[in-house]
Amino acid sequence: MIRHAAIFRLVHPAGSAEEARFLAALADLAAIDGVGDFQIAREVSPKNDFAFAVSMSFADDAAYQAYNVHPDHVAFVQDRWIPEVSSFMEHDTVAL
């Protein structure tokens, strides 16, 4: 299993309608075949500057790669993520 996650900050003001629309569009990615355990969370720790986290799991590398090239994911990255995310850190992990 592969766990894909990103922590991020948006260009939009906290609590704004733009922030809500972005998060709703992000949630739509859960419908892509192969995506499991999808979760969006708000950061509560004062130890980092990120505001949100998104995470999901994939059964194997083939499922993860299919997600990466899925037209809905590609469109989201181009149309929403790139222009609306000001900073992020991504990590993809497998359990030891």
PDB file of N, CA and C in Angstrom:
ATOM      1  N   MET A   1       0.831  -1.179   0.000  1.00  0.00           N
ATOM      2  CA  MET A   1       0.000   0.000   0.000  1.00  0.00           C
ATOM      3  C   MET A   1       0.881   1.250   0.000  1.00  0.00           C
ATOM      4  N   ILE A   2       0.466   2.245  -0.746  1.00  0.00           N
ATOM      5  CA  ILE A   2       1.144   3.542  -0.782  1.00  0.00           C
ATOM      6  C   ILE A   2       0.240   4.577  -0.127  1.00  0.00           C
ATOM      7  N   ARG A   3       0.816   5.352   0.763  1.00  0.00           N
ATOM      8  CA  ARG A   3       0.100   6.458   1.401  1.00  0.00           C
ATOM      9  C   ARG A   3       0.620   7.741   0.775  1.00  0.00           C
ATOM     10  N   HIS A   4      -0.267   8.506   0.154  1.00  0.00           N
ATOM     11  CA  HIS A   4       0.072   9.769  -0.495  1.00  0.00           C
ATOM     12  C   HIS A   4      -0.508  10.892   0.357  1.00  0.00           C
ATOM     13  N   ALA A   5       0.303  11.876   0.681  1.00  0.00           N
ATOM     14  CA  ALA A   5      -0.170  12.972   1.520  1.00  0.00           C
ATOM     15  C   ALA A   5       0.530  14.268   1.151  1.00  0.00           C
ATOM     16  N   ALA A   6      -0.151  15.358   1.425  1.00  0.00           N
ATOM     17  CA  ALA A   6       0.438  16.685   1.243  1.00  0.00           C
ATOM     18  C   ALA A   6      -0.099  17.595   2.329  1.00  0.00           C
ATOM     19  N   ILE A   7       0.769  18.433   2.849  1.00  0.00           N
ATOM     20  CA  ILE A   7       0.335  19.509   3.728  1.00  0.00           C
ATOM     21  C   ILE A   7       0.525  20.790   2.938  1.00  0.00           C
ATOM     22  N   PHE A   8      -0.404  21.744   3.124  1.00  0.00           N
ATOM     23  CA  PHE A   8      -0.375  22.895   2.240  1.00  0.00           C
ATOM     24  C   PHE A   8      -1.022  24.125   2.863  1.00  0.00           C
ATOM     25  N   ARG A   9      -0.763  25.239   2.217  1.00  0.00           N
ATOM     26  CA  ARG A   9      -1.336  26.542   2.569  1.00  0.00           C
ATOM     27  C   ARG A   9      -1.916  27.122   1.288  1.00  0.00           C
ATOM     28  N   LEU A  10      -3.066  27.752   1.412  1.00  0.00           N
ATOM     29  CA  LEU A  10      -3.728  28.349   0.260  1.00  0.00           C
ATOM     30  C   LEU A  10      -3.444  29.845   0.156  1.00  0.00           C
ATOM     31  N   VAL A  11      -3.668  30.380  -1.025  1.00  0.00           N
ATOM     32  CA  VAL A  11      -3.545  31.823  -1.233  1.00  0.00           C
ATOM     33  C   VAL A  11      -4.788  32.543  -0.715  1.00  0.00           C
ATOM     34  N   HIS A  12      -5.854  31.812  -0.456  1.00  0.00           N
ATOM     35  CA  HIS A  12      -7.125  32.404  -0.036  1.00  0.00           C
ATOM     36  C   HIS A  12      -7.150  32.702   1.460  1.00  0.00           C
ATOM     37  N   PRO A  13      -7.890  33.714   1.874  1.00  0.00           N
ATOM     38  CA  PRO A  13      -8.043  33.981   3.313  1.00  0.00           C
ATOM     39  C   PRO A  13      -8.750  32.820   4.017  1.00  0.00           C
ATOM     40  N   ALA A  14      -8.346  32.565   5.250  1.00  0.00           N
ATOM     41  CA  ALA A  14      -8.983  31.527   6.050  1.00  0.00           C
ATOM     42  C   ALA A  14     -10.465  31.824   6.208  1.00  0.00           C
ATOM     43  N   GLY A  15     -11.276  30.799   6.007  1.00  0.00           N
ATOM     44  CA  GLY A  15     -12.709  30.953   6.166  1.00  0.00           C
ATOM     45  C   GLY A  15     -13.432  31.562   4.979  1.00  0.00           C
ATOM     46  N   SER A  16     -12.710  31.857   3.916  1.00  0.00           N
ATOM     47  CA  SER A  16     -13.314  32.518   2.753  1.00  0.00           C
ATOM     48  C   SER A  16     -14.084  31.523   1.885  1.00  0.00           C
ATOM     49  N   ALA A  17     -14.950  32.071   1.047  1.00  0.00           N
ATOM     50  CA  ALA A  17     -15.690  31.253   0.092  1.00  0.00           C
ATOM     51  C   ALA A  17     -14.735  30.579  -0.881  1.00  0.00           C
ATOM     52  N   GLU A  18     -13.658  31.249  -1.248  1.00  0.00           N
ATOM     53  CA  GLU A  18     -12.671  30.671  -2.166  1.00  0.00           C
ATOM     54  C   GLU A  18     -12.003  29.452  -1.541  1.00  0.00           C
ATOM     55  N   GLU A  19     -11.678  29.558  -0.251  1.00  0.00           N
ATOM     56  CA  GLU A  19     -11.094  28.428   0.461  1.00  0.00           C
ATOM     57  C   GLU A  19     -12.069  27.249   0.446  1.00  0.00           C
ATOM     58  N   ALA A  20     -13.328  27.502   0.737  1.00  0.00           N
ATOM     59  CA  ALA A  20     -14.339  26.443   0.757  1.00  0.00           C
ATOM     60  C   ALA A  20     -14.494  25.800  -0.613  1.00  0.00           C
ATOM     61  N   ARG A  21     -14.469  26.590  -1.668  1.00  0.00           N
ATOM     62  CA  ARG A  21     -14.592  26.038  -3.024  1.00  0.00           C
ATOM     63  C   ARG A  21     -13.388  25.169  -3.374  1.00  0.00           C
ATOM     64  N   PHE A  22     -12.202  25.606  -2.987  1.00  0.00           N
ATOM     65  CA  PHE A  22     -11.007  24.802  -3.243  1.00  0.00           C
ATOM     66  C   PHE A  22     -11.114  23.457  -2.529  1.00  0.00           C
ATOM     67  N   LEU A  23     -11.469  23.476  -1.252  1.00  0.00           N
ATOM     68  CA  LEU A  23     -11.552  22.244  -0.479  1.00  0.00           C
ATOM     69  C   LEU A  23     -12.631  21.311  -1.027  1.00  0.00           C
ATOM     70  N   ALA A  24     -13.720  21.861  -1.515  1.00  0.00           N
ATOM     71  CA  ALA A  24     -14.769  21.038  -2.134  1.00  0.00           C
ATOM     72  C   ALA A  24     -14.252  20.385  -3.412  1.00  0.00           C
ATOM     73  N   ALA A  25     -13.511  21.134  -4.219  1.00  0.00           N
ATOM     74  CA  ALA A  25     -12.935  20.580  -5.441  1.00  0.00           C
ATOM     75  C   ALA A  25     -11.905  19.505  -5.105  1.00  0.00           C
ATOM     76  N   LEU A  26     -11.125  19.728  -4.068  1.00  0.00           N
ATOM     77  CA  LEU A  26     -10.149  18.737  -3.622  1.00  0.00           C
ATOM     78  C   LEU A  26     -10.859  17.455  -3.196  1.00  0.00           C
ATOM     79  N   ALA A  27     -11.958  17.583  -2.485  1.00  0.00           N
ATOM     80  CA  ALA A  27     -12.710  16.414  -2.015  1.00  0.00           C
ATOM     81  C   ALA A  27     -13.223  15.565  -3.173  1.00  0.00           C
ATOM     82  N   ASP A  28     -13.475  16.181  -4.312  1.00  0.00           N
ATOM     83  CA  ASP A  28     -13.946  15.440  -5.485  1.00  0.00           C
ATOM     84  C   ASP A  28     -12.940  14.389  -5.958  1.00  0.00           C
ATOM     85  N   LEU A  29     -11.659  14.563  -5.613  1.00  0.00           N
ATOM     86  CA  LEU A  29     -10.638  13.594  -6.035  1.00  0.00           C
ATOM     87  C   LEU A  29     -10.852  12.232  -5.388  1.00  0.00           C
ATOM     88  N   ALA A  30     -11.597  12.182  -4.289  1.00  0.00           N
ATOM     89  CA  ALA A  30     -11.867  10.912  -3.616  1.00  0.00           C
ATOM     90  C   ALA A  30     -12.638   9.944  -4.507  1.00  0.00           C
ATOM     91  N   ALA A  31     -13.328  10.459  -5.513  1.00  0.00           N
ATOM     92  CA  ALA A  31     -14.145   9.624  -6.402  1.00  0.00           C
ATOM     93  C   ALA A  31     -13.336   8.912  -7.480  1.00  0.00           C
ATOM     94  N   ILE A  32     -12.063   9.252  -7.624  1.00  0.00           N
ATOM     95  CA  ILE A  32     -11.232   8.612  -8.645  1.00  0.00           C
ATOM     96  C   ILE A  32     -10.981   7.161  -8.253  1.00  0.00           C
ATOM     97  N   ASP A  33     -11.144   6.264  -9.207  1.00  0.00           N
ATOM     98  CA  ASP A  33     -10.917   4.833  -8.955  1.00  0.00           C
ATOM     99  C   ASP A  33      -9.536   4.600  -8.351  1.00  0.00           C
ATOM    100  N   GLY A  34      -9.481   3.773  -7.334  1.00  0.00           N
ATOM    101  CA  GLY A  34      -8.220   3.411  -6.704  1.00  0.00           C
ATOM    102  C   GLY A  34      -7.891   4.214  -5.472  1.00  0.00           C
ATOM    103  N   VAL A  35      -8.576   5.342  -5.270  1.00  0.00           N
ATOM    104  CA  VAL A  35      -8.322   6.186  -4.098  1.00  0.00           C
ATOM    105  C   VAL A  35      -9.042   5.588  -2.894  1.00  0.00           C
ATOM    106  N   GLY A  36      -8.300   5.405  -1.804  1.00  0.00           N
ATOM    107  CA  GLY A  36      -8.887   4.902  -0.566  1.00  0.00           C
ATOM    108  C   GLY A  36      -8.504   5.773   0.600  1.00  0.00           C
ATOM    109  N   ASP A  37      -9.228   5.649   1.672  1.00  0.00           N
ATOM    110  CA  ASP A  37      -8.914   6.352   2.929  1.00  0.00           C
ATOM    111  C   ASP A  37      -8.674   7.842   2.723  1.00  0.00           C
ATOM    112  N   PHE A  38      -9.462   8.466   1.869  1.00  0.00           N
ATOM    113  CA  PHE A  38      -9.278   9.884   1.548  1.00  0.00           C
ATOM    114  C   PHE A  38      -9.676  10.747   2.733  1.00  0.00           C
ATOM    115  N   GLN A  39      -8.835  11.726   3.035  1.00  0.00           N
ATOM    116  CA  GLN A  39      -9.148  12.625   4.150  1.00  0.00           C
ATOM    117  C   GLN A  39      -8.534  13.998   3.919  1.00  0.00           C
ATOM    118  N   ILE A  40      -9.318  15.023   4.220  1.00  0.00           N
ATOM    119  CA  ILE A  40      -8.829  16.400   4.268  1.00  0.00           C
ATOM    120  C   ILE A  40      -8.919  16.821   5.724  1.00  0.00           C
ATOM    121  N   ALA A  41      -7.854  17.433   6.224  1.00  0.00           N
ATOM    122  CA  ALA A  41      -7.830  17.849   7.623  1.00  0.00           C
ATOM    123  C   ALA A  41      -7.281  19.262   7.751  1.00  0.00           C
ATOM    124  N   ARG A  42      -7.727  19.945   8.794  1.00  0.00           N
ATOM    125  CA  ARG A  42      -7.219  21.278   9.105  1.00  0.00           C
ATOM    126  C   ARG A  42      -6.088  21.124  10.123  1.00  0.00           C
ATOM    127  N   GLU A  43      -4.988  21.786   9.896  1.00  0.00           N
ATOM    128  CA  GLU A  43      -3.839  21.756  10.799  1.00  0.00           C
ATOM    129  C   GLU A  43      -4.184  22.498  12.090  1.00  0.00           C
ATOM    130  N   VAL A  44      -3.830  21.919  13.213  1.00  0.00           N
ATOM    131  CA  VAL A  44      -4.080  22.572  14.495  1.00  0.00           C
ATOM    132  C   VAL A  44      -2.800  22.832  15.286  1.00  0.00           C
ATOM    133  N   SER A  45      -1.693  22.308  14.824  1.00  0.00           N
ATOM    134  CA  SER A  45      -0.433  22.499  15.535  1.00  0.00           C
ATOM    135  C   SER A  45       0.179  23.853  15.215  1.00  0.00           C
ATOM    136  N   PRO A  46       0.649  24.559  16.226  1.00  0.00           N
ATOM    137  CA  PRO A  46       1.351  25.818  15.981  1.00  0.00           C
ATOM    138  C   PRO A  46       2.804  25.603  15.533  1.00  0.00           C
ATOM    139  N   LYS A  47       3.217  24.351  15.379  1.00  0.00           N
ATOM    140  CA  LYS A  47       4.606  24.031  15.065  1.00  0.00           C
ATOM    141  C   LYS A  47       4.942  24.124  13.589  1.00  0.00           C
ATOM    142  N   ASN A  48       3.936  24.325  12.726  1.00  0.00           N
ATOM    143  CA  ASN A  48       4.241  24.506  11.305  1.00  0.00           C
ATOM    144  C   ASN A  48       3.315  25.546  10.708  1.00  0.00           C
ATOM    145  N   ASP A  49       3.667  26.021   9.543  1.00  0.00           N
ATOM    146  CA  ASP A  49       2.932  27.106   8.896  1.00  0.00           C
ATOM    147  C   ASP A  49       1.864  26.637   7.914  1.00  0.00           C
ATOM    148  N   PHE A  50       1.690  25.341   7.780  1.00  0.00           N
ATOM    149  CA  PHE A  50       0.687  24.849   6.845  1.00  0.00           C
ATOM    150  C   PHE A  50      -0.695  24.869   7.481  1.00  0.00           C
ATOM    151  N   ALA A  51      -1.720  24.972   6.649  1.00  0.00           N
ATOM    152  CA  ALA A  51      -3.086  25.097   7.155  1.00  0.00           C
ATOM    153  C   ALA A  51      -3.898  23.812   7.010  1.00  0.00           C
ATOM    154  N   PHE A  52      -3.575  22.992   6.006  1.00  0.00           N
ATOM    155  CA  PHE A  52      -4.374  21.809   5.698  1.00  0.00           C
ATOM    156  C   PHE A  52      -3.485  20.620   5.377  1.00  0.00           C
ATOM    157  N   ALA A  53      -4.104  19.444   5.458  1.00  0.00           N
ATOM    158  CA  ALA A  53      -3.467  18.211   5.001  1.00  0.00           C
ATOM    159  C   ALA A  53      -4.485  17.432   4.193  1.00  0.00           C
ATOM    160  N   VAL A  54      -4.009  16.777   3.157  1.00  0.00           N
ATOM    161  CA  VAL A  54      -4.837  15.837   2.404  1.00  0.00           C
ATOM    162  C   VAL A  54      -4.058  14.532   2.336  1.00  0.00           C
ATOM    163  N   SER A  55      -4.765  13.427   2.528  1.00  0.00           N
ATOM    164  CA  SER A  55      -4.101  12.135   2.455  1.00  0.00           C
ATOM    165  C   SER A  55      -5.040  11.104   1.851  1.00  0.00           C
ATOM    166  N   MET A  56      -4.433  10.089   1.278  1.00  0.00           N
ATOM    167  CA  MET A  56      -5.180   9.007   0.647  1.00  0.00           C
ATOM    168  C   MET A  56      -4.262   7.801   0.521  1.00  0.00           C
ATOM    169  N   SER A  57      -4.852   6.651   0.276  1.00  0.00           N
ATOM    170  CA  SER A  57      -4.031   5.459   0.100  1.00  0.00           C
ATOM    171  C   SER A  57      -4.368   4.798  -1.233  1.00  0.00           C
ATOM    172  N   PHE A  58      -3.407   4.013  -1.696  1.00  0.00           N
ATOM    173  CA  PHE A  58      -3.540   3.255  -2.940  1.00  0.00           C
ATOM    174  C   PHE A  58      -3.061   1.836  -2.676  1.00  0.00           C
ATOM    175  N   ALA A  59      -3.743   0.870  -3.257  1.00  0.00           N
ATOM    176  CA  ALA A  59      -3.409  -0.534  -3.023  1.00  0.00           C
ATOM    177  C   ALA A  59      -1.990  -0.884  -3.454  1.00  0.00           C
ATOM    178  N   ASP A  60      -1.538  -0.243  -4.540  1.00  0.00           N
ATOM    179  CA  ASP A  60      -0.214  -0.557  -5.068  1.00  0.00           C
ATOM    180  C   ASP A  60       0.254   0.583  -5.980  1.00  0.00           C
ATOM    181  N   ASP A  61       1.443   0.426  -6.504  1.00  0.00           N
ATOM    182  CA  ASP A  61       2.009   1.471  -7.350  1.00  0.00           C
ATOM    183  C   ASP A  61       1.195   1.679  -8.622  1.00  0.00           C
ATOM    184  N   ALA A  62       0.629   0.624  -9.168  1.00  0.00           N
ATOM    185  CA  ALA A  62      -0.181   0.766 -10.386  1.00  0.00           C
ATOM    186  C   ALA A  62      -1.387   1.669 -10.126  1.00  0.00           C
ATOM    187  N   ALA A  63      -2.039   1.496  -8.992  1.00  0.00           N
ATOM    188  CA  ALA A  63      -3.194   2.335  -8.646  1.00  0.00           C
ATOM    189  C   ALA A  63      -2.760   3.785  -8.440  1.00  0.00           C
ATOM    190  N   TYR A  64      -1.612   3.972  -7.800  1.00  0.00           N
ATOM    191  CA  TYR A  64      -1.097   5.322  -7.577  1.00  0.00           C
ATOM    192  C   TYR A  64      -0.752   5.998  -8.901  1.00  0.00           C
ATOM    193  N   GLN A  65      -0.106   5.280  -9.784  1.00  0.00           N
ATOM    194  CA  GLN A  65       0.258   5.859 -11.078  1.00  0.00           C
ATOM    195  C   GLN A  65      -0.987   6.169 -11.914  1.00  0.00           C
ATOM    196  N   ALA A  66      -1.994   5.312 -11.838  1.00  0.00           N
ATOM    197  CA  ALA A  66      -3.246   5.576 -12.558  1.00  0.00           C
ATOM    198  C   ALA A  66      -3.901   6.859 -12.038  1.00  0.00           C
ATOM    199  N   TYR A  67      -3.858   7.078 -10.740  1.00  0.00           N
ATOM    200  CA  TYR A  67      -4.389   8.306 -10.145  1.00  0.00           C
ATOM    201  C   TYR A  67      -3.623   9.524 -10.664  1.00  0.00           C
ATOM    202  N   ASN A  68      -2.317   9.430 -10.695  1.00  0.00           N
ATOM    203  CA  ASN A  68      -1.487  10.565 -11.121  1.00  0.00           C
ATOM    204  C   ASN A  68      -1.793  11.035 -12.532  1.00  0.00           C
ATOM    205  N   VAL A  69      -2.171  10.119 -13.408  1.00  0.00           N
ATOM    206  CA  VAL A  69      -2.450  10.501 -14.799  1.00  0.00           C
ATOM    207  C   VAL A  69      -3.947  10.599 -15.103  1.00  0.00           C
ATOM    208  N   HIS A  70      -4.771  10.357 -14.102  1.00  0.00           N
ATOM    209  CA  HIS A  70      -6.222  10.438 -14.312  1.00  0.00           C
ATOM    210  C   HIS A  70      -6.588  11.866 -14.730  1.00  0.00           C
ATOM    211  N   PRO A  71      -7.429  12.027 -15.747  1.00  0.00           N
ATOM    212  CA  PRO A  71      -7.769  13.376 -16.231  1.00  0.00           C
ATOM    213  C   PRO A  71      -8.330  14.315 -15.162  1.00  0.00           C
ATOM    214  N   ASP A  72      -9.102  13.793 -14.209  1.00  0.00           N
ATOM    215  CA  ASP A  72      -9.644  14.655 -13.150  1.00  0.00           C
ATOM    216  C   ASP A  72      -8.534  15.165 -12.232  1.00  0.00           C
ATOM    217  N   HIS A  73      -7.565  14.310 -11.935  1.00  0.00           N
ATOM    218  CA  HIS A  73      -6.444  14.729 -11.090  1.00  0.00           C
ATOM    219  C   HIS A  73      -5.558  15.737 -11.828  1.00  0.00           C
ATOM    220  N   VAL A  74      -5.248  15.437 -13.069  1.00  0.00           N
ATOM    221  CA  VAL A  74      -4.409  16.336 -13.875  1.00  0.00           C
ATOM    222  C   VAL A  74      -5.072  17.710 -13.987  1.00  0.00           C
ATOM    223  N   ALA A  75      -6.369  17.744 -14.249  1.00  0.00           N
ATOM    224  CA  ALA A  75      -7.092  19.021 -14.367  1.00  0.00           C
ATOM    225  C   ALA A  75      -7.097  19.763 -13.039  1.00  0.00           C
ATOM    226  N   PHE A  76      -7.297  19.047 -11.935  1.00  0.00           N
ATOM    227  CA  PHE A  76      -7.295  19.699 -10.626  1.00  0.00           C
ATOM    228  C   PHE A  76      -5.944  20.349 -10.352  1.00  0.00           C
ATOM    229  N   VAL A  77      -4.880  19.629 -10.613  1.00  0.00           N
ATOM    230  CA  VAL A  77      -3.536  20.183 -10.369  1.00  0.00           C
ATOM    231  C   VAL A  77      -3.324  21.444 -11.204  1.00  0.00           C
ATOM    232  N   GLN A  78      -3.664  21.388 -12.469  1.00  0.00           N
ATOM    233  CA  GLN A  78      -3.439  22.535 -13.356  1.00  0.00           C
ATOM    234  C   GLN A  78      -4.363  23.718 -13.042  1.00  0.00           C
ATOM    235  N   ASP A  79      -5.632  23.418 -12.825  1.00  0.00           N
ATOM    236  CA  ASP A  79      -6.630  24.478 -12.690  1.00  0.00           C
ATOM    237  C   ASP A  79      -6.803  25.010 -11.279  1.00  0.00           C
ATOM    238  N   ARG A  80      -6.507  24.185 -10.270  1.00  0.00           N
ATOM    239  CA  ARG A  80      -6.748  24.607  -8.897  1.00  0.00           C
ATOM    240  C   ARG A  80      -5.474  24.624  -8.057  1.00  0.00           C
ATOM    241  N   TRP A  81      -4.747  23.482  -8.016  1.00  0.00           N
ATOM    242  CA  TRP A  81      -3.605  23.363  -7.105  1.00  0.00           C
ATOM    243  C   TRP A  81      -2.531  24.399  -7.429  1.00  0.00           C
ATOM    244  N   ILE A  82      -2.084  24.438  -8.658  1.00  0.00           N
ATOM    245  CA  ILE A  82      -0.984  25.347  -9.021  1.00  0.00           C
ATOM    246  C   ILE A  82      -1.338  26.809  -8.743  1.00  0.00           C
ATOM    247  N   PRO A  83      -2.501  27.302  -9.163  1.00  0.00           N
ATOM    248  CA  PRO A  83      -2.779  28.717  -8.911  1.00  0.00           C
ATOM    249  C   PRO A  83      -3.228  29.052  -7.485  1.00  0.00           C
ATOM    250  N   GLU A  84      -3.717  28.060  -6.713  1.00  0.00           N
ATOM    251  CA  GLU A  84      -4.329  28.381  -5.428  1.00  0.00           C
ATOM    252  C   GLU A  84      -3.552  27.932  -4.197  1.00  0.00           C
ATOM    253  N   VAL A  85      -2.539  27.098  -4.380  1.00  0.00           N
ATOM    254  CA  VAL A  85      -1.727  26.635  -3.254  1.00  0.00           C
ATOM    255  C   VAL A  85      -0.446  27.459  -3.228  1.00  0.00           C
ATOM    256  N   SER A  86      -0.220  28.123  -2.111  1.00  0.00           N
ATOM    257  CA  SER A  86       0.958  28.993  -2.023  1.00  0.00           C
ATOM    258  C   SER A  86       2.210  28.245  -1.588  1.00  0.00           C
ATOM    259  N   SER A  87       2.035  27.159  -0.847  1.00  0.00           N
ATOM    260  CA  SER A  87       3.176  26.397  -0.362  1.00  0.00           C
ATOM    261  C   SER A  87       2.691  25.000   0.022  1.00  0.00           C
ATOM    262  N   PHE A  88       3.525  23.997  -0.204  1.00  0.00           N
ATOM    263  CA  PHE A  88       3.140  22.645   0.185  1.00  0.00           C
ATOM    264  C   PHE A  88       4.364  21.749   0.338  1.00  0.00           C
ATOM    265  N   MET A  89       4.132  20.639   1.010  1.00  0.00           N
ATOM    266  CA  MET A  89       5.111  19.584   1.099  1.00  0.00           C
ATOM    267  C   MET A  89       4.358  18.277   0.879  1.00  0.00           C
ATOM    268  N   GLU A  90       4.870  17.462  -0.005  1.00  0.00           N
ATOM    269  CA  GLU A  90       4.231  16.197  -0.347  1.00  0.00           C
ATOM    270  C   GLU A  90       5.103  15.063   0.108  1.00  0.00           C
ATOM    271  N   HIS A  91       4.457  13.968   0.532  1.00  0.00           N
ATOM    272  CA  HIS A  91       5.233  12.774   0.797  1.00  0.00           C
ATOM    273  C   HIS A  91       4.424  11.535   0.454  1.00  0.00           C
ATOM    274  N   ASP A  92       5.106  10.564  -0.085  1.00  0.00           N
ATOM    275  CA  ASP A  92       4.518   9.286  -0.470  1.00  0.00           C
ATOM    276  C   ASP A  92       5.292   8.205   0.271  1.00  0.00           C
ATOM    277  N   THR A  93       4.567   7.376   1.003  1.00  0.00           N
ATOM    278  CA  THR A  93       5.235   6.427   1.875  1.00  0.00           C
ATOM    279  C   THR A  93       4.660   5.024   1.738  1.00  0.00           C
ATOM    280  N   VAL A  94       5.495   4.056   2.091  1.00  0.00           N
ATOM    281  CA  VAL A  94       5.066   2.678   2.250  1.00  0.00           C
ATOM    282  C   VAL A  94       5.470   2.237   3.651  1.00  0.00           C
ATOM    283  N   ALA A  95       4.641   1.421   4.277  1.00  0.00           N
ATOM    284  CA  ALA A  95       4.909   0.967   5.637  1.00  0.00           C
ATOM    285  C   ALA A  95       6.128   0.043   5.664  1.00  0.00           C
ATOM    286  N   LEU A  96       6.856   0.129   6.731  1.00  0.00           N
ATOM    287  CA  LEU A  96       8.023  -0.756   6.929  1.00  0.00           C
ATOM    288  C   LEU A  96       7.592  -2.049   7.575  1.00  0.00           C
TER     289      LEU A  96
END
